Protein backbone atom coordinates (compact mmCIF):
# COMPACT_ATOMS: atom_id res chain seq x y z
CA MET A 1 3.43 -43.91 -23.51
CA PHE A 2 4.19 -40.64 -20.53
CA LYS A 3 5.77 -38.16 -22.21
CA LEU A 4 7.34 -34.99 -20.08
CA GLU A 5 7.20 -32.55 -23.47
CA SER A 6 3.13 -33.32 -23.39
CA TYR A 7 3.23 -31.70 -20.24
CA ILE A 8 5.83 -29.64 -19.68
CA THR A 9 5.49 -27.56 -22.52
CA PRO A 10 2.22 -26.46 -22.07
CA ILE A 11 2.27 -25.22 -18.83
CA LEU A 12 5.19 -23.03 -19.88
CA LEU A 13 3.85 -21.42 -23.14
CA SER A 14 0.48 -21.09 -21.34
CA TYR A 15 1.89 -18.86 -18.64
CA VAL A 16 4.13 -17.09 -21.49
CA ALA A 17 0.71 -16.50 -23.10
CA LYS A 18 -1.03 -15.01 -20.06
CA TYR A 19 1.38 -12.21 -19.44
CA VAL A 20 2.24 -11.12 -23.11
CA LYS A 21 -0.31 -9.86 -25.64
CA ASN A 22 -0.75 -11.61 -28.64
CA PHE A 23 1.13 -14.33 -28.32
CA ARG A 24 0.34 -17.76 -30.07
CA ASP A 25 1.85 -20.70 -28.45
CA GLU A 26 1.34 -23.08 -31.08
CA ASP A 27 4.45 -21.17 -32.98
CA ALA A 28 6.54 -22.17 -30.47
CA GLN A 29 5.91 -25.60 -29.51
CA VAL A 30 8.36 -27.44 -32.15
CA SER A 31 11.62 -24.67 -30.99
CA LEU A 32 10.64 -25.44 -27.46
CA TRP A 33 11.16 -29.25 -28.40
CA GLU A 34 14.36 -28.69 -29.20
CA GLY A 35 15.12 -27.15 -26.21
CA GLU A 36 15.43 -23.51 -27.09
CA VAL A 37 13.01 -20.73 -27.66
CA THR A 38 13.24 -17.20 -28.25
CA PHE A 39 10.81 -14.53 -28.25
CA GLN A 40 11.44 -10.80 -29.10
CA ASN A 41 9.88 -7.31 -28.55
CA LEU A 42 6.67 -8.51 -26.44
CA ASP A 43 4.20 -6.21 -25.05
CA LEU A 44 2.80 -7.18 -21.31
CA ARG A 45 -0.64 -7.59 -20.41
CA LEU A 46 -0.24 -4.64 -17.84
CA GLU A 47 -3.78 -5.65 -16.19
CA VAL A 48 -2.74 -9.12 -15.59
CA LEU A 49 0.57 -7.81 -13.78
CA GLU A 50 -0.96 -5.16 -11.40
CA GLU A 51 -3.75 -7.84 -10.10
CA GLU A 52 -2.19 -10.87 -9.41
CA LEU A 53 1.27 -8.69 -8.48
CA ASN A 54 -0.44 -6.90 -6.29
CA LEU A 55 1.61 -3.49 -7.11
CA PRO A 56 1.07 -0.38 -4.69
CA VAL A 57 1.42 1.73 -8.43
CA ASP A 58 -0.35 1.41 -11.97
CA LEU A 59 1.51 0.45 -14.76
CA VAL A 60 1.63 2.57 -18.05
CA SER A 61 3.48 0.62 -20.06
CA GLY A 62 5.60 -2.53 -20.17
CA HIS A 63 7.98 -4.45 -22.73
CA ILE A 64 10.01 -7.18 -22.96
CA HIS A 65 12.53 -7.23 -25.48
CA GLU A 66 13.89 -10.59 -25.48
CA LEU A 67 12.59 -13.73 -23.71
CA SER A 68 14.14 -17.34 -24.01
CA ILE A 69 13.03 -20.34 -22.24
CA GLN A 70 15.65 -23.24 -22.02
CA VAL A 71 14.31 -26.96 -21.05
CA PRO A 72 17.42 -29.17 -20.81
CA TRP A 73 15.26 -32.44 -22.08
CA THR A 74 17.62 -35.04 -21.30
CA LYS A 75 18.60 -33.76 -17.72
CA LEU A 76 15.62 -32.32 -16.79
CA MET A 77 16.34 -34.46 -13.32
CA SER A 78 19.35 -33.17 -12.19
CA GLU A 79 19.46 -29.43 -14.16
CA PRO A 80 16.80 -26.71 -13.84
CA VAL A 81 14.12 -25.01 -16.54
CA LYS A 82 15.82 -21.42 -17.20
CA ILE A 83 13.84 -18.65 -17.97
CA ILE A 84 16.01 -15.82 -19.14
CA ILE A 85 14.60 -11.59 -20.15
CA ASN A 86 16.54 -9.44 -21.26
CA THR A 87 15.50 -5.68 -20.88
CA ILE A 88 12.07 -5.31 -19.57
CA GLU A 89 10.71 -1.96 -19.31
CA PHE A 90 8.11 -0.52 -17.46
CA VAL A 91 6.61 3.17 -16.59
CA ALA A 92 4.42 3.44 -13.78
CA LYS A 93 2.01 6.22 -11.80
CA LEU A 94 0.18 6.50 -8.78
CA PRO A 95 -3.34 4.54 -8.56
CA ASP A 96 -6.56 6.20 -8.65
CA ASP A 97 -10.11 5.66 -7.78
CA VAL A 98 -11.42 4.23 -10.31
CA SER A 99 -7.92 1.81 -10.99
CA ARG A 100 -8.23 0.39 -7.11
CA GLN A 101 -12.24 -0.22 -7.87
CA ARG A 102 -11.39 -1.94 -11.06
CA ARG A 103 -8.73 -4.30 -8.90
CA ALA A 104 -10.86 -4.67 -5.98
CA ALA A 105 -13.71 -6.31 -8.87
CA TYR A 106 -10.91 -8.05 -10.48
CA GLN A 107 -9.71 -9.95 -7.71
CA LYS A 108 -13.15 -11.10 -6.48
CA GLU A 109 -13.64 -12.42 -10.07
CA GLN A 110 -10.76 -14.50 -9.67
CA GLN A 111 -11.05 -16.04 -6.26
CA ARG A 112 -14.42 -17.14 -7.65
CA LYS A 113 -12.60 -18.57 -11.27
CA ALA A 114 -9.72 -20.00 -8.58
CA LYS A 115 -12.53 -21.96 -6.35
CA LYS A 116 -14.26 -23.50 -9.48
CA ALA A 117 -11.03 -24.49 -10.96
CA ALA A 118 -10.06 -26.30 -8.13
CA MET A 119 -13.20 -28.20 -7.91
CA GLU A 120 -13.04 -28.94 -11.26
CA ALA A 121 -9.96 -30.43 -10.85
CA GLU A 122 -10.57 -32.58 -8.01
CA GLN A 123 -13.33 -34.28 -10.13
CA GLN A 124 -11.25 -35.01 -13.09
CA GLN A 125 -8.29 -36.18 -11.01
CA LYS A 126 -8.77 -39.88 -12.30
CA GLY A 127 -8.11 -39.04 -15.57
CA ALA A 128 -4.67 -37.30 -14.91
CA ALA A 129 -0.98 -38.36 -15.49
CA PRO A 130 -0.05 -41.45 -13.04
CA ALA A 131 1.55 -40.88 -9.78
CA SER A 132 5.15 -41.50 -10.75
CA SER A 133 4.83 -39.10 -13.11
CA SER A 134 3.23 -36.69 -11.60
CA VAL A 135 5.96 -36.40 -9.40
CA VAL A 136 8.51 -35.81 -12.17
CA VAL A 137 6.88 -33.13 -13.44
CA ASN A 138 6.39 -31.35 -10.09
CA LYS A 139 9.64 -31.65 -9.63
CA ILE A 140 10.59 -29.85 -12.75
CA ILE A 141 8.32 -26.72 -12.64
CA ASN A 142 9.18 -26.50 -8.56
CA ASN A 143 12.57 -25.93 -10.01
CA ILE A 144 12.37 -23.15 -12.41
CA THR A 145 15.22 -20.42 -12.48
CA LEU A 146 13.94 -16.78 -13.53
CA GLN A 147 16.97 -14.78 -14.45
CA CYS A 148 16.23 -11.11 -15.49
CA HIS A 149 19.07 -8.61 -16.62
CA ASN A 150 18.32 -5.16 -17.28
CA ILE A 151 15.36 -4.05 -15.43
CA ILE A 152 13.96 -0.61 -15.89
CA LEU A 153 11.62 0.84 -13.96
CA LYS A 154 10.02 4.67 -14.33
CA TYR A 155 8.07 6.36 -12.26
CA VAL A 156 6.66 9.83 -12.95
CA GLU A 157 4.35 12.33 -10.38
CA ASP A 158 4.12 15.79 -11.78
CA ASP A 159 7.62 17.27 -11.79
CA ILE A 160 9.51 13.84 -10.22
CA VAL A 161 10.90 11.18 -12.30
CA VAL A 162 12.24 8.29 -10.22
CA SER A 163 14.48 5.95 -12.19
CA MET A 164 15.38 2.63 -11.26
CA ASN A 165 17.82 -0.27 -12.58
CA VAL A 166 18.31 -3.22 -11.92
CA GLN A 167 21.41 -5.03 -13.74
CA CYS A 168 20.32 -8.53 -12.61
CA LEU A 169 17.84 -10.50 -10.83
CA ASN A 170 18.00 -14.21 -10.37
CA PHE A 171 15.14 -16.09 -8.78
CA SER A 172 15.70 -20.08 -8.26
CA PRO A 173 15.25 -22.15 -5.34
CA ALA A 174 17.60 -23.02 -2.34
CA GLY A 175 18.42 -26.53 -0.41
CA GLU A 176 19.40 -25.87 3.58
CA ASN A 177 22.38 -23.86 3.19
CA TRP A 178 20.39 -21.55 0.57
CA LYS A 179 22.34 -22.26 -2.26
CA HIS A 180 20.99 -22.77 -6.14
CA THR A 181 20.60 -26.33 -5.83
CA MET A 182 17.49 -28.92 -7.49
CA VAL A 183 14.93 -29.57 -4.37
CA ASP A 184 12.66 -32.22 -3.86
CA VAL A 185 8.97 -30.96 -2.58
CA HIS A 186 7.12 -33.58 -0.33
CA PRO A 187 3.51 -33.90 -2.14
CA VAL A 188 2.03 -33.51 1.71
CA SER A 189 4.72 -32.16 4.08
CA VAL A 190 5.87 -28.75 2.24
CA PHE A 191 8.73 -26.96 3.11
CA MET A 192 9.87 -24.46 0.41
CA ARG A 193 13.07 -22.26 0.03
CA ARG A 194 13.40 -19.63 -2.40
CA LEU A 195 15.86 -17.23 -3.44
CA LEU A 196 15.79 -13.76 -4.73
CA GLN A 197 19.29 -12.08 -5.54
CA ILE A 198 19.18 -8.46 -6.89
CA SER A 199 22.57 -7.03 -8.23
CA ASP A 200 23.37 -3.48 -8.55
CA LEU A 201 20.53 -1.79 -7.92
CA THR A 202 20.41 1.97 -8.87
CA ILE A 203 17.57 5.12 -7.66
CA CYS A 204 18.18 7.96 -9.42
CA LEU A 205 15.82 10.90 -8.24
CA ASP A 206 15.61 13.96 -11.00
CA LYS A 207 13.37 16.82 -11.89
CA ARG A 208 11.68 17.91 -15.09
CA ASN A 209 10.22 21.27 -16.44
CA THR A 210 7.34 22.14 -17.81
CA ALA A 211 7.81 20.66 -21.20
CA GLY A 212 8.77 17.65 -19.60
CA ARG A 213 12.22 17.47 -19.98
CA ILE A 214 15.60 16.69 -17.42
CA GLU A 215 17.53 19.53 -17.80
CA VAL A 216 20.69 18.47 -15.75
CA CYS A 217 20.49 14.75 -14.41
CA GLN A 218 21.62 14.41 -10.99
CA GLU A 219 23.76 11.97 -9.09
CA PRO A 220 21.62 8.58 -8.23
CA VAL A 221 20.21 8.64 -4.88
CA LEU A 222 21.37 4.84 -4.60
CA TYR A 223 24.22 3.50 -6.57
CA ARG A 224 24.87 -0.35 -7.59
CA CYS A 225 23.02 -1.64 -4.09
CA THR A 226 23.28 -5.87 -3.98
CA LEU A 227 20.31 -7.35 -1.81
CA GLU A 228 19.19 -10.89 -0.90
CA CYS A 229 16.09 -11.53 -0.49
CA ARG A 230 15.12 -15.39 1.12
CA VAL A 231 11.29 -16.88 1.47
CA LEU A 232 10.24 -19.81 3.23
CA ARG A 233 7.14 -21.89 3.07
CA LYS A 234 5.83 -24.50 5.67
CA TYR A 235 2.85 -25.81 5.74
CA ASN A 236 1.05 -29.68 5.31
CA VAL A 237 -1.44 -30.10 2.64
CA ASN A 238 -3.92 -31.67 4.71
CA THR A 239 -3.54 -28.96 7.54
CA VAL A 240 -2.85 -26.14 5.25
CA SER A 241 -6.37 -24.47 6.42
CA THR A 242 -5.24 -24.09 10.33
CA SER A 243 -1.36 -23.87 10.38
CA SER A 244 1.27 -22.65 8.06
CA THR A 245 4.36 -20.49 8.88
CA THR A 246 5.70 -17.86 6.22
CA ARG A 247 9.73 -16.13 6.94
CA ILE A 248 10.41 -13.99 4.22
CA GLY A 249 13.81 -11.86 4.83
CA VAL A 250 15.82 -9.27 2.96
CA PHE A 251 19.83 -8.65 3.73
CA THR A 252 22.22 -6.05 2.00
CA LYS A 253 25.37 -5.56 3.09
CA ALA A 254 26.02 -1.74 2.53
CA LEU A 255 23.15 0.81 1.86
CA ASP A 256 24.56 3.95 0.21
CA ILE A 257 22.13 6.68 0.26
CA ASN A 258 23.18 10.53 -1.17
CA VAL A 259 20.73 13.04 -0.99
CA SER A 260 20.91 16.61 -2.21
CA SER A 261 19.54 19.83 -1.34
CA LEU A 262 17.80 19.71 -4.76
CA GLN A 263 16.62 16.20 -4.05
CA PHE A 264 15.65 16.43 -0.41
CA PRO A 265 12.41 18.15 -1.29
CA MET A 266 11.49 15.29 -3.90
CA VAL A 267 12.21 12.91 -1.04
CA MET A 268 9.90 13.96 1.49
CA ARG A 269 7.30 14.64 -1.04
CA LEU A 270 7.12 10.74 -2.33
CA ILE A 271 7.07 9.80 1.17
CA LYS A 272 4.48 11.77 1.83
CA MET A 273 2.43 9.75 -0.96
CA LEU A 274 3.60 6.66 0.10
CA LEU A 275 2.32 7.27 2.97
CA GLU A 276 -1.14 8.38 2.18
CA LEU A 277 -1.31 4.95 -0.06
CA LYS A 278 -3.71 2.09 1.00
CA PRO A 279 -0.93 -0.81 1.58
CA ALA A 280 -1.99 -4.00 -0.69
CA GLU A 281 -2.66 -6.69 1.78
CA MET A 282 0.30 -8.57 0.83
CA GLU A 283 0.09 -11.10 3.87
CA GLU A 284 -3.16 -11.25 3.72
CA GLU A 285 -2.70 -12.36 0.12
CA ILE A 286 -0.18 -14.93 0.94
CA MET A 287 -1.79 -16.65 4.28
CA ASN A 288 -5.31 -16.21 3.22
CA LEU A 289 -6.22 -15.76 6.54
CA ASP A 290 -9.79 -14.60 6.18
CA ASP A 291 -11.42 -17.59 4.08
CA PRO A 292 -9.22 -20.88 4.98
CA GLU A 293 -11.18 -22.82 2.52
CA GLU A 294 -9.83 -20.59 -0.44
CA SER A 295 -6.04 -20.74 1.47
CA ALA A 296 -6.67 -24.99 1.63
CA GLU A 297 -8.19 -25.23 -2.36
CA GLY A 298 -5.60 -22.54 -3.58
CA ASN A 299 -2.77 -24.67 -2.50
CA GLU A 300 -3.54 -27.90 -4.05
CA THR A 301 -2.50 -28.06 -7.75
CA PRO A 302 -5.23 -29.53 -10.32
CA ALA A 303 -3.67 -32.66 -11.88
CA GLY A 304 -2.03 -32.15 -15.25
CA GLY A 305 -0.85 -29.35 -14.91
CA ALA A 306 -3.82 -27.31 -15.05
CA GLN A 307 -3.12 -24.06 -13.19
CA PRO A 308 -6.34 -21.80 -11.32
CA GLU A 309 -6.36 -18.49 -13.42
CA SER A 310 -5.49 -16.54 -10.34
CA GLN A 311 -2.31 -17.49 -9.73
CA SER A 312 0.60 -15.42 -11.08
CA TYR A 313 3.80 -16.69 -11.87
CA LEU A 314 5.74 -16.32 -8.61
CA TRP A 315 2.75 -18.22 -6.31
CA TRP A 316 2.15 -20.62 -8.92
CA ALA A 317 6.61 -21.66 -8.98
CA TRP A 318 6.36 -21.39 -4.74
CA ASN A 319 3.41 -23.40 -4.36
CA LEU A 320 2.72 -25.54 -7.35
CA LEU A 321 2.13 -28.82 -5.69
CA PRO A 322 1.40 -33.03 -6.61
CA SER A 323 -2.54 -33.81 -7.12
CA PHE A 324 -2.19 -37.39 -6.00
CA GLU A 325 -3.06 -38.17 -2.38
CA SER A 326 -0.55 -39.39 0.50
CA GLN A 327 -0.23 -39.56 4.18
CA ALA A 328 0.33 -36.97 6.37
CA PRO A 329 3.55 -37.49 8.79
CA ALA A 330 2.58 -36.74 12.07
CA SER A 331 3.22 -33.04 13.08
CA ALA A 332 5.54 -31.73 16.07
CA ASP A 333 3.77 -31.31 19.62
CA GLU A 334 5.24 -27.80 19.46
CA GLU A 335 3.87 -26.42 16.52
CA ILE A 336 1.81 -23.61 16.86
CA LEU A 337 -1.51 -23.91 15.60
CA GLY A 338 -2.35 -20.63 13.08
CA HIS A 339 -0.81 -18.68 10.20
CA ALA A 340 2.59 -17.09 11.37
CA PHE A 341 3.76 -15.11 8.92
CA ASP A 342 7.70 -12.95 9.67
CA MET A 343 9.31 -10.66 8.03
CA GLY A 344 12.68 -9.24 8.42
CA ILE A 345 14.93 -6.26 7.32
CA TYR A 346 18.69 -6.06 7.72
CA ALA A 347 21.31 -4.38 6.81
CA GLU A 348 25.04 -4.77 7.93
CA GLU A 349 25.82 -0.98 6.82
CA LEU A 350 23.67 2.38 5.66
CA ASN A 351 25.60 5.41 4.88
CA PHE A 352 23.53 8.26 4.51
CA GLN A 353 25.40 11.50 3.22
CA LEU A 354 23.52 14.97 2.48
CA LYS A 355 24.94 17.44 -0.08
CA ASN A 356 23.98 20.83 -0.50
CA SER A 357 23.71 21.29 -4.64
CA GLU A 358 23.43 24.38 -6.80
CA TYR A 359 23.18 25.03 -10.29
CA PHE A 360 26.27 26.86 -12.42
CA THR A 361 27.15 27.42 -16.27
CA ASP A 362 30.28 25.56 -16.83
CA GLN A 363 31.88 27.77 -19.26
CA ALA A 364 34.47 24.69 -20.11
CA MET A 365 31.89 22.66 -21.22
CA GLY A 366 30.78 25.14 -24.09
CA GLY A 367 28.42 26.74 -21.43
CA ILE A 368 26.42 23.94 -20.48
CA LYS A 369 24.45 23.38 -17.29
CA ARG A 370 25.23 21.46 -14.25
CA ILE A 371 25.34 21.02 -10.73
CA ARG A 372 27.95 21.66 -8.21
CA TYR A 373 28.06 19.61 -4.67
CA THR A 374 29.05 20.29 -1.41
CA PRO A 375 29.31 17.42 1.14
CA ILE A 376 27.38 18.18 4.78
CA LEU A 377 26.82 15.47 6.90
CA ARG A 378 27.61 11.68 6.66
CA ILE A 379 25.40 9.48 9.29
CA SER A 380 26.79 5.90 9.25
CA LEU A 381 24.50 2.98 10.69
CA GLY A 382 25.79 -0.78 11.72
CA GLY A 383 23.83 -3.62 12.45
CA ILE A 384 20.03 -2.88 11.66
CA TYR A 385 17.40 -4.95 11.77
CA TYR A 386 13.50 -4.59 11.51
CA GLU A 387 11.09 -7.77 12.08
CA ARG A 388 7.64 -7.88 12.14
CA SER A 389 5.60 -11.41 13.09
CA LEU A 390 1.96 -12.05 13.01
CA LEU A 391 -0.11 -14.54 14.27
CA LYS A 392 -4.10 -13.63 13.60
CA GLU A 393 -5.49 -16.74 14.35
CA ASN A 394 -4.24 -15.78 18.52
CA ASP A 395 -4.50 -11.88 18.14
CA TRP A 396 -0.78 -11.96 17.89
CA THR A 397 1.47 -9.11 16.84
CA ASN A 398 4.92 -8.24 17.18
CA VAL A 399 7.09 -5.56 16.21
CA LYS A 400 11.24 -5.83 17.07
CA ALA A 401 13.71 -3.40 15.61
CA GLY A 402 17.52 -2.65 16.93
CA LEU A 403 20.78 -0.61 16.04
CA SER A 404 24.06 -2.14 16.63
CA SER A 405 26.04 1.43 16.14
CA ILE A 406 25.91 4.55 14.75
CA CYS A 407 28.31 7.50 13.70
CA MET A 408 27.35 11.02 12.74
CA GLU A 409 29.81 13.37 10.97
CA PRO A 410 30.24 16.72 9.62
CA LEU A 411 31.79 17.46 6.39
CA GLY A 412 33.44 19.86 3.73
CA ALA A 413 33.02 23.58 5.54
CA TYR A 414 31.87 21.85 8.96
CA ARG A 415 34.26 19.34 9.54
CA SER A 416 36.30 20.23 12.45
CA GLU A 417 40.21 19.56 12.67
CA ASP A 418 40.43 18.17 16.72
CA PRO A 419 39.37 14.80 16.21
CA VAL A 420 37.08 15.06 19.39
CA ASP A 421 34.98 16.61 18.01
CA ARG A 422 35.01 15.57 14.60
CA MET A 423 31.93 12.96 15.50
CA LEU A 424 28.94 14.59 16.45
CA VAL A 425 27.42 11.21 17.53
CA ASN A 426 29.21 7.94 18.01
CA THR A 427 28.97 4.84 19.82
CA ARG A 428 31.00 2.14 20.37
CA GLU A 429 31.63 -0.98 18.11
CA ALA A 430 29.78 -4.04 18.57
CA LEU A 431 31.63 -7.36 19.86
CA LYS A 432 29.91 -9.44 17.36
CA GLU A 433 29.18 -7.12 14.14
CA ARG A 434 26.93 -9.91 13.23
CA SER A 435 24.58 -10.50 16.18
CA PHE A 436 21.67 -8.30 14.91
CA ILE A 437 20.65 -11.42 12.20
CA ASP A 438 20.51 -13.73 15.09
CA LYS A 439 17.86 -16.31 14.67
CA SER A 440 16.98 -14.68 11.25
CA LEU A 441 16.98 -16.61 7.69
CA PHE A 442 20.62 -15.28 7.28
CA ASP A 443 22.09 -17.38 10.62
CA GLU A 444 24.06 -20.03 9.33
CA ASN A 445 24.09 -21.44 12.62
CA PHE A 446 20.52 -21.12 13.54
CA MET A 447 19.04 -24.54 12.51
CA PHE A 448 15.14 -23.90 13.22
CA SER A 449 14.88 -21.34 10.44
CA ASP A 450 11.12 -22.57 10.01
CA ARG A 451 10.06 -21.19 13.28
CA THR A 452 9.08 -17.78 13.92
CA TRP A 453 8.61 -15.77 17.25
CA CYS A 454 4.90 -16.26 17.52
CA SER A 455 3.56 -17.12 20.35
CA HIS A 456 0.38 -17.22 22.22
CA ASN A 457 2.09 -16.68 26.04
CA TYR A 458 3.62 -13.60 26.24
CA GLU A 459 5.59 -14.71 29.54
CA ASP A 460 7.01 -17.51 27.38
CA TYR A 461 7.78 -14.89 24.89
CA VAL A 462 9.61 -12.48 27.23
CA ALA A 463 11.48 -15.62 28.69
CA ARG A 464 13.35 -16.51 25.39
CA ASN A 465 13.74 -12.58 23.88
CA THR A 466 15.03 -10.90 27.45
CA ASP A 467 16.71 -7.69 27.78
CA GLU A 468 20.22 -9.18 28.03
CA TYR A 469 19.36 -11.00 24.69
CA MET A 470 18.05 -7.78 22.85
CA LEU A 471 21.06 -5.93 23.89
CA PHE A 472 23.23 -8.48 22.80
CA ARG A 473 21.98 -8.53 18.85
CA SER A 474 21.65 -4.54 19.05
CA PRO A 475 23.24 -2.87 21.94
CA VAL A 476 22.96 0.74 20.55
CA LEU A 477 19.20 1.13 20.57
CA SER A 478 16.38 -1.64 20.89
CA PHE A 479 12.94 -1.68 20.28
CA ASP A 480 10.27 -4.58 21.05
CA ILE A 481 6.69 -4.00 21.49
CA VAL A 482 4.16 -7.11 21.25
CA GLU A 483 0.13 -6.71 21.48
CA TYR A 484 -1.51 -9.98 22.31
CA ARG A 485 -4.89 -10.87 23.64
CA ALA A 486 -5.33 -12.11 27.00
CA PRO A 487 -6.93 -15.41 27.44
CA ARG A 488 -10.50 -15.13 28.82
CA PRO A 489 -12.94 -17.75 30.35
CA ASN A 490 -14.73 -19.92 27.98
CA SER A 491 -18.38 -19.33 29.43
CA HIS A 492 -18.55 -15.25 29.91
CA PRO A 493 -22.16 -13.45 30.47
CA LEU A 494 -21.25 -10.43 27.98
CA ALA A 495 -21.75 -11.13 24.44
CA GLU A 496 -18.74 -11.88 21.71
CA SER A 497 -18.90 -8.46 20.26
CA GLN A 498 -18.80 -7.15 23.70
CA LEU A 499 -16.03 -8.76 24.41
CA LYS A 500 -14.18 -8.05 21.15
CA ASP A 501 -11.62 -5.38 22.31
CA MET A 502 -11.36 -6.65 26.13
CA GLY A 503 -8.66 -8.58 27.06
CA LEU A 504 -5.98 -6.56 24.38
CA ARG A 505 -2.26 -5.92 25.75
CA ILE A 506 0.38 -4.10 24.62
CA GLN A 507 3.48 -4.33 25.94
CA TYR A 508 7.06 -2.48 25.13
CA ARG A 509 10.39 -2.29 25.66
CA LEU A 510 13.34 0.62 24.78
CA LEU A 511 16.58 -0.40 25.88
CA SER A 512 20.09 1.09 25.04
CA ALA A 513 23.91 0.55 26.42
CA GLY A 514 24.34 4.25 25.69
CA ILE A 515 25.22 6.95 22.69
CA THR A 516 27.53 9.72 23.44
CA PHE A 517 26.72 13.03 21.97
CA HIS A 518 29.74 15.88 20.65
CA PHE A 519 28.36 19.42 20.70
CA SER A 520 30.31 22.22 18.62
CA GLN A 521 30.71 25.26 17.44
CA SER A 522 32.39 23.57 14.14
CA PHE A 523 29.18 21.93 12.99
CA LEU A 524 26.76 25.40 13.57
CA GLN A 525 28.86 27.58 11.06
CA SER A 526 31.73 27.19 8.76
CA ARG A 527 35.69 27.30 9.97
CA SER A 528 36.41 30.36 8.73
CA LYS A 529 33.81 32.30 9.89
CA SER A 530 33.78 30.53 13.53
CA PRO A 531 35.09 31.61 16.51
CA PRO A 532 37.53 29.82 18.78
CA GLN A 533 35.68 26.07 19.38
CA SER A 534 33.88 25.40 22.36
CA ARG A 535 32.98 22.03 23.62
CA SER A 536 30.39 20.30 25.42
CA HIS A 537 30.78 16.33 25.87
CA SER A 538 27.45 13.77 26.43
CA ASN A 539 27.30 10.58 27.37
CA SER A 540 23.74 10.39 27.72
CA PRO A 541 22.19 6.48 27.53
CA LEU A 542 18.26 6.07 26.92
CA PRO A 543 16.16 4.50 29.74
CA ARG A 544 17.50 0.88 30.47
CA ARG A 545 13.93 -0.30 30.01
CA SER A 546 10.32 1.05 29.78
CA THR A 547 7.30 -0.78 29.81
CA ARG A 548 3.29 -0.26 29.85
CA THR A 549 0.62 -1.89 29.42
CA GLN A 550 -2.70 -0.77 28.03
CA THR A 551 -5.93 -2.45 28.74
């Protein structure tokens, strides 16, 4: 008789053992059969997390205070399995050459193991659970939800200490309306939505002394920010080596950034270090464009719940598929052949405030050292978006960015009493406040969220993405750049190596409806010392259109 416990329990506990040191899953099986099991004070396998999550930093330490797994055995088809983590702490540092070489060797080894495991699973498929049971097991696995409370990450570099805290993180499957729900995954035609919600994200930036201690804690750079990330994956198991769609969107309603004069040099140093880091090839990992065979095999889940060792928990949770065969439905004629990847970042409002800061001794508090802040400038941006689309098979890359409103205002002693001079830069408010998310994963009225802007024809792309549409999304500033390869004849006298860089085209557009600048002496010096104010107003729209082509 088929029992769900015999399939679900080993899968859950095997992944806990994979990421946790000195874990004995046999001690937890009985507790899990009762519906819940709790582990405390777990040390994480840092090398596994670094390699499989493709982190841009090296982890020095990782610790979980409490981990619980809740399985509703009597309602498995209507309620999800929950993994709850209470307080997880990490300490990170910049990677060195030794760690980069170790990661590269680990990835190659894991890819070989994944191919071998997939081949062995295919041979043993006949001895797996019945097809109907496989459907049940995979539905349960694909609907697992993850909740993390109190995530702490510390990064230390020389005298810089960066602390990040997340009060709550939720990762779960979503339905067509991007709400938490139990979903069914087709065994062949896969269409998956995953929702990641981050609440109360706070980032602090402090400076430590030669003894390694922080004398005075500064105000947070980012305080209690809320983010939502949506992931959409669409592909057919039988054609995943040639065609798939991946869309990722990140949205925040408000992003408030505060930087003091003491923090500003540290921010510039961190930006320089980030630019020097070699970016992790996340897109190549997701789509496996360089090796289509590995992509096809990596998306076939071995029967009976056995998973390739190289898969991370998130990848496994998103892509675990049934092992039995089925007929694939007919593909749409308009579907673009290739692996389309689309990523967008959207912010409804971004506020940046610059403050002057200085140390002083507070005698009223017993002579302790504190920091006095004086506001200087506030910049408010509205309706911001950045999108990047990639279709590697067609040599198509598209980057779009836009801004719907901007306001720059002096503060404190630099603020003018005259309302006309109060704003250094301002623009008209957008007619439609949320037009910047049009046709994104966050557009509730867009019915074709599984489609991207990727194409193989620039004229067709421009016909759909006109100048008027770009200014509709972001009237203040809109930028669009497309890099693609023009079609060439099948037979050409030149060798393929000589044709590699021929036919490459770069088209870009820069549009704006106008920005108003106000200049006054009140911003250049304090009001108490400034002479009578003189004003200069300028309404300077950017060029309506600028297009260049390179061959």
